[in-house]
Amino acid sequence: MPGQRPWTPCAHAGPHLQADTLLAHWGHLHRGDAEPPPQDPALIDGWLLFHNGDFEAAAALGQRLGGDGLTLANKAACVHASYVEVHEPARLQRWLDAAARARQQQAAAPSNPNAWYWQAYALGRYSQGISVTKALAQGLGGQIRQALERTLALAPSHADAHLAVGSFHAEIIDKVGELIGGMTYGARKDVGLAHYARALSLNPDSAITLAEVAQGWLLLEGDAALDRATALLERAAAFEPLDAMEHLYVDSARMALQG
């Protein structure tokens, strides 16, 4: 984008999908975020850029389109910052920009679950980037929790939101402990595990779900969950990715197994 450092290219960018195959696979690719299939041809083009790994162009087009295009812009920015971008200041700013766009989208479309979800996701990743304890001190934990609660109130079967709630509890407990996490921030191990279980039941054939749940189990249960988490990572690593985002998660699972 003008005046900004070019985004780090995605190694998996390429013509994985065409418009017709994208829509044919939409149910699988978006089972996690519950985003409905786009009707606007321009928005279809934008999602095609996203799924083929041109995240910068997808985000730029989504911003130009506005409306539902902001969901595209935010997902492209968040995924790229989380799994592709190598420059830390750019990563942090990209998450903050996505959170700001999500708030704008909430004002215009308060019943859109992904307007709330991408705010929570962006702030959650930003919190990890600056350290969870620092983010909690800044009050970001409350904003994340409220946005996720709103997401699930609007879309109870939003699998990715259940993943994010599980991670909210897991990250806090991992950083400050179960006692302080529960007393100060309302974080509970049983609630985190329940949301992970719900995500798995809603979207079991997803490398993204499997990898995120495996990581969350390890944060919440430590070595007691090692065998179960490894089994999930092995399933994720064996996936044949359909698009660039699935490639990134499969790569992440394979790296976790090697480490």
Protein backbone atom coordinates (compact mmCIF):
# COMPACT_ATOMS: atom_id res chain seq x y z
CA MET A 1 0.00 0.00 0.00
CA PRO A 2 1.23 3.57 -0.68
CA GLY A 3 3.66 4.89 1.91
CA GLN A 4 4.05 1.55 3.63
CA ARG A 5 6.62 -1.23 3.49
CA PRO A 6 5.53 -3.92 1.00
CA TRP A 7 4.10 -6.96 2.73
CA THR A 8 6.35 -10.00 2.94
CA PRO A 9 5.33 -12.30 0.06
CA CYS A 10 3.60 -15.56 0.96
CA ALA A 11 5.61 -18.59 -0.11
CA HIS A 12 2.38 -20.38 -0.99
CA ALA A 13 0.95 -17.69 -3.25
CA GLY A 14 -0.26 -19.13 -6.52
CA PRO A 15 -3.31 -20.18 -8.53
CA HIS A 16 -4.65 -22.76 -6.11
CA LEU A 17 -8.27 -21.92 -6.91
CA GLN A 18 -10.41 -20.36 -9.61
CA ALA A 19 -13.66 -18.52 -8.93
CA ASP A 20 -15.85 -21.56 -9.57
CA THR A 21 -13.72 -23.91 -7.47
CA LEU A 22 -13.51 -21.33 -4.69
CA LEU A 23 -17.29 -21.20 -4.40
CA ALA A 24 -17.51 -25.00 -4.64
CA HIS A 25 -15.12 -25.34 -1.69
CA TRP A 26 -16.48 -22.34 0.22
CA GLY A 27 -18.26 -24.47 2.81
CA HIS A 28 -15.03 -26.24 3.76
CA LEU A 29 -12.78 -23.19 3.62
CA HIS A 30 -15.13 -21.01 5.69
CA ARG A 31 -16.66 -23.53 8.06
CA GLY A 32 -14.49 -22.03 10.78
CA ASP A 33 -15.40 -18.37 10.38
CA ALA A 34 -18.99 -18.88 9.19
CA GLU A 35 -18.56 -16.21 6.50
CA PRO A 36 -21.39 -16.49 3.93
CA PRO A 37 -20.47 -16.88 0.24
CA PRO A 38 -20.08 -13.47 -1.43
CA GLN A 39 -22.53 -12.37 -4.10
CA ASP A 40 -20.65 -9.32 -5.38
CA PRO A 41 -18.29 -10.35 -8.22
CA ALA A 42 -15.69 -7.84 -6.99
CA LEU A 43 -15.79 -9.39 -3.53
CA ILE A 44 -15.45 -12.87 -5.05
CA ASP A 45 -12.32 -11.59 -6.78
CA GLY A 46 -11.03 -10.31 -3.46
CA TRP A 47 -11.58 -13.62 -1.70
CA LEU A 48 -9.88 -15.36 -4.60
CA LEU A 49 -6.81 -13.17 -4.00
CA PHE A 50 -6.92 -14.16 -0.33
CA HIS A 51 -7.23 -17.88 -0.88
CA ASN A 52 -4.49 -17.79 -3.50
CA GLY A 53 -2.13 -16.12 -1.04
CA ASP A 54 -2.03 -12.53 -2.32
CA PHE A 55 -2.96 -11.18 1.09
CA GLU A 56 -1.84 -7.59 0.49
CA ALA A 57 -3.93 -7.21 -2.66
CA ALA A 58 -6.89 -8.90 -0.95
CA ALA A 59 -6.71 -6.51 2.00
CA ALA A 60 -6.41 -3.47 -0.26
CA LEU A 61 -9.40 -4.52 -2.36
CA GLY A 62 -11.47 -5.30 0.74
CA GLN A 63 -10.80 -1.84 2.12
CA ARG A 64 -11.76 -0.19 -1.17
CA LEU A 65 -15.02 -2.16 -1.31
CA GLY A 66 -15.97 -1.42 2.29
CA GLY A 67 -19.00 -3.08 3.87
CA ASP A 68 -18.53 -6.85 3.83
CA GLY A 69 -15.19 -6.21 2.15
CA LEU A 70 -13.83 -5.16 5.55
CA THR A 71 -14.13 -8.77 6.70
CA LEU A 72 -11.91 -9.76 3.78
CA ALA A 73 -9.46 -6.95 4.57
CA ASN A 74 -9.26 -7.90 8.23
CA LYS A 75 -8.86 -11.62 7.64
CA ALA A 76 -6.17 -11.04 5.01
CA ALA A 77 -4.28 -8.64 7.27
CA CYS A 78 -4.55 -10.82 10.36
CA VAL A 79 -3.55 -14.08 8.68
CA HIS A 80 -0.64 -12.43 6.92
CA ALA A 81 0.60 -10.71 10.08
CA SER A 82 0.27 -13.91 12.09
CA TYR A 83 1.88 -16.37 9.70
CA VAL A 84 3.79 -14.57 6.94
CA GLU A 85 5.05 -11.12 7.95
CA VAL A 86 8.63 -11.12 9.26
CA HIS A 87 8.86 -7.47 10.35
CA GLU A 88 7.58 -7.15 13.92
CA PRO A 89 6.54 -3.47 13.82
CA ALA A 90 4.54 -4.15 10.66
CA ARG A 91 2.88 -7.16 12.31
CA LEU A 92 1.81 -5.14 15.34
CA GLN A 93 0.50 -2.23 13.28
CA ARG A 94 -1.41 -4.55 10.95
CA TRP A 95 -3.26 -6.10 13.90
CA LEU A 96 -4.08 -2.66 15.33
CA ASP A 97 -5.34 -1.45 11.95
CA ALA A 98 -7.55 -4.55 11.61
CA ALA A 99 -9.01 -3.99 15.07
CA ALA A 100 -9.80 -0.37 14.17
CA ARG A 101 -11.50 -1.40 10.91
CA ALA A 102 -13.50 -4.02 12.80
CA ARG A 103 -14.82 -1.36 15.15
CA GLN A 104 -15.89 0.71 12.14
CA GLN A 105 -17.62 -2.33 10.71
CA GLN A 106 -19.39 -2.97 14.02
CA ALA A 107 -20.82 0.54 13.95
CA ALA A 108 -22.20 0.03 10.43
CA ALA A 109 -23.23 -3.64 10.79
CA PRO A 110 -23.55 -4.55 14.49
CA SER A 111 -25.23 -7.88 13.68
CA ASN A 112 -22.28 -9.13 11.59
CA PRO A 113 -20.49 -11.70 13.79
CA ASN A 114 -17.19 -11.36 11.95
CA ALA A 115 -17.06 -7.63 12.63
CA TRP A 116 -16.69 -8.64 16.28
CA TYR A 117 -14.60 -11.75 15.70
CA TRP A 118 -11.84 -10.01 13.77
CA GLN A 119 -11.57 -7.32 16.42
CA ALA A 120 -11.04 -10.05 19.01
CA TYR A 121 -8.60 -11.97 16.82
CA ALA A 122 -6.55 -8.89 15.96
CA LEU A 123 -6.33 -7.72 19.57
CA GLY A 124 -5.51 -11.25 20.70
CA ARG A 125 -2.59 -11.53 18.29
CA TYR A 126 -1.45 -8.01 19.18
CA SER A 127 -1.54 -9.01 22.85
CA GLN A 128 0.69 -12.00 22.13
CA GLY A 129 3.03 -9.71 20.23
CA ILE A 130 3.52 -7.21 23.06
CA SER A 131 3.15 -9.94 25.78
CA VAL A 132 -0.10 -11.16 27.25
CA THR A 133 0.66 -9.76 30.71
CA LYS A 134 1.29 -6.27 29.30
CA ALA A 135 -1.90 -6.49 27.22
CA LEU A 136 -3.92 -7.49 30.28
CA ALA A 137 -2.53 -4.51 32.16
CA GLN A 138 -3.73 -2.28 29.31
CA GLY A 139 -7.26 -3.67 29.56
CA LEU A 140 -7.20 -5.49 26.24
CA GLY A 141 -8.38 -8.74 27.83
CA GLY A 142 -11.79 -7.26 28.54
CA GLN A 143 -12.15 -5.96 24.99
CA ILE A 144 -11.23 -9.34 23.54
CA ARG A 145 -13.62 -11.19 25.80
CA GLN A 146 -16.52 -8.85 25.08
CA ALA A 147 -15.97 -9.08 21.32
CA LEU A 148 -15.90 -12.88 21.45
CA GLU A 149 -19.02 -13.01 23.60
CA ARG A 150 -20.77 -10.82 21.05
CA THR A 151 -19.57 -13.03 18.20
CA LEU A 152 -20.99 -16.16 19.80
CA ALA A 153 -24.23 -14.43 20.76
CA LEU A 154 -24.73 -13.66 17.06
CA ALA A 155 -23.31 -16.95 15.73
CA PRO A 156 -23.27 -19.74 18.36
CA SER A 157 -21.74 -22.20 15.85
CA HIS A 158 -18.80 -19.94 14.94
CA ALA A 159 -16.05 -22.54 15.33
CA ASP A 160 -13.16 -20.08 15.13
CA ALA A 161 -14.70 -17.94 17.86
CA HIS A 162 -14.87 -21.03 20.10
CA LEU A 163 -11.18 -21.58 19.32
CA ALA A 164 -10.43 -17.99 20.25
CA VAL A 165 -12.33 -18.24 23.54
CA GLY A 166 -10.40 -21.38 24.37
CA SER A 167 -7.16 -19.58 23.59
CA PHE A 168 -8.22 -16.58 25.69
CA HIS A 169 -8.49 -18.81 28.76
CA ALA A 170 -5.38 -20.82 27.87
CA GLU A 171 -3.11 -17.82 27.29
CA ILE A 172 -4.11 -16.12 30.53
CA ILE A 173 -3.73 -19.26 32.62
CA ASP A 174 -0.38 -20.00 30.99
CA LYS A 175 0.94 -16.50 31.79
CA VAL A 176 -0.46 -15.72 35.24
CA GLY A 177 -1.60 -19.11 36.57
CA GLU A 178 -5.01 -20.63 37.15
CA LEU A 179 -5.67 -18.96 40.51
CA ILE A 180 -4.86 -15.38 39.53
CA GLY A 181 -6.24 -15.91 36.04
CA GLY A 182 -9.55 -17.02 37.48
CA MET A 183 -9.83 -14.42 40.23
CA THR A 184 -8.68 -11.43 38.19
CA TYR A 185 -9.67 -12.18 34.60
CA GLY A 186 -12.28 -14.94 34.83
CA ALA A 187 -10.04 -17.44 33.04
CA ARG A 188 -10.90 -21.07 33.75
CA LYS A 189 -9.31 -24.26 32.52
CA ASP A 190 -12.59 -26.15 32.23
CA VAL A 191 -14.19 -23.37 30.19
CA GLY A 192 -11.20 -23.23 27.84
CA LEU A 193 -11.29 -26.99 27.31
CA ALA A 194 -15.04 -26.90 26.70
CA HIS A 195 -14.67 -24.30 23.96
CA TYR A 196 -11.87 -26.29 22.33
CA ALA A 197 -14.11 -29.36 22.38
CA ARG A 198 -16.92 -27.36 20.80
CA ALA A 199 -14.60 -26.08 18.05
CA LEU A 200 -13.49 -29.62 17.29
CA SER A 201 -17.07 -30.83 17.08
CA LEU A 202 -18.03 -27.98 14.72
CA ASN A 203 -15.01 -28.13 12.43
CA PRO A 204 -13.17 -31.43 12.87
CA ASP A 205 -11.76 -31.67 9.35
CA SER A 206 -9.69 -28.51 9.55
CA ALA A 207 -5.92 -28.26 9.90
CA ILE A 208 -6.51 -24.86 11.52
CA THR A 209 -8.78 -26.25 14.23
CA LEU A 210 -6.54 -29.23 14.92
CA ALA A 211 -3.38 -27.12 15.22
CA GLU A 212 -4.97 -24.47 17.45
CA VAL A 213 -6.59 -27.02 19.77
CA ALA A 214 -3.32 -28.93 20.09
CA GLN A 215 -1.51 -25.77 21.15
CA GLY A 216 -4.28 -24.85 23.58
CA TRP A 217 -4.32 -28.27 25.20
CA LEU A 218 -0.59 -28.00 25.86
CA LEU A 219 -1.01 -24.58 27.48
CA LEU A 220 -3.86 -25.78 29.69
CA GLU A 221 -2.70 -29.30 30.55
CA GLY A 222 1.02 -29.43 29.83
CA ASP A 223 2.65 -32.83 29.44
CA ALA A 224 -0.59 -34.60 30.32
CA ALA A 225 -1.93 -33.52 26.93
CA LEU A 226 1.24 -34.22 24.95
CA ASP A 227 0.13 -37.47 23.30
CA ARG A 228 -3.32 -36.14 22.41
CA ALA A 229 -1.89 -32.85 21.11
CA THR A 230 0.70 -34.68 19.04
CA ALA A 231 -2.02 -36.82 17.49
CA LEU A 232 -3.92 -33.69 16.45
CA LEU A 233 -0.79 -32.11 15.00
CA GLU A 234 -0.06 -35.29 13.04
CA ARG A 235 -3.56 -35.15 11.57
CA ALA A 236 -3.10 -31.47 10.68
CA ALA A 237 0.32 -32.10 9.14
CA ALA A 238 -1.13 -34.82 6.89
CA PHE A 239 -3.72 -32.51 5.28
CA GLU A 240 -3.57 -31.74 1.57
CA PRO A 241 -4.12 -27.96 1.61
CA LEU A 242 -6.73 -26.40 -0.65
CA ASP A 243 -5.52 -22.81 -0.36
CA ALA A 244 -2.66 -20.66 0.89
CA MET A 245 -4.07 -20.31 4.41
CA GLU A 246 -4.34 -24.08 4.86
CA HIS A 247 -0.78 -24.38 3.57
CA LEU A 248 0.37 -22.01 6.33
CA TYR A 249 -1.35 -24.04 9.06
CA VAL A 250 -0.08 -27.34 7.71
CA ASP A 251 3.43 -25.85 7.70
CA SER A 252 2.91 -24.70 11.29
CA ALA A 253 1.81 -28.16 12.38
CA ARG A 254 4.79 -29.81 10.69
CA MET A 255 7.19 -27.35 12.33
CA ALA A 256 5.62 -28.00 15.75
CA LEU A 257 6.12 -31.72 15.30
CA GLN A 258 9.76 -31.20 14.38
CA GLY A 259 10.37 -28.93 17.36
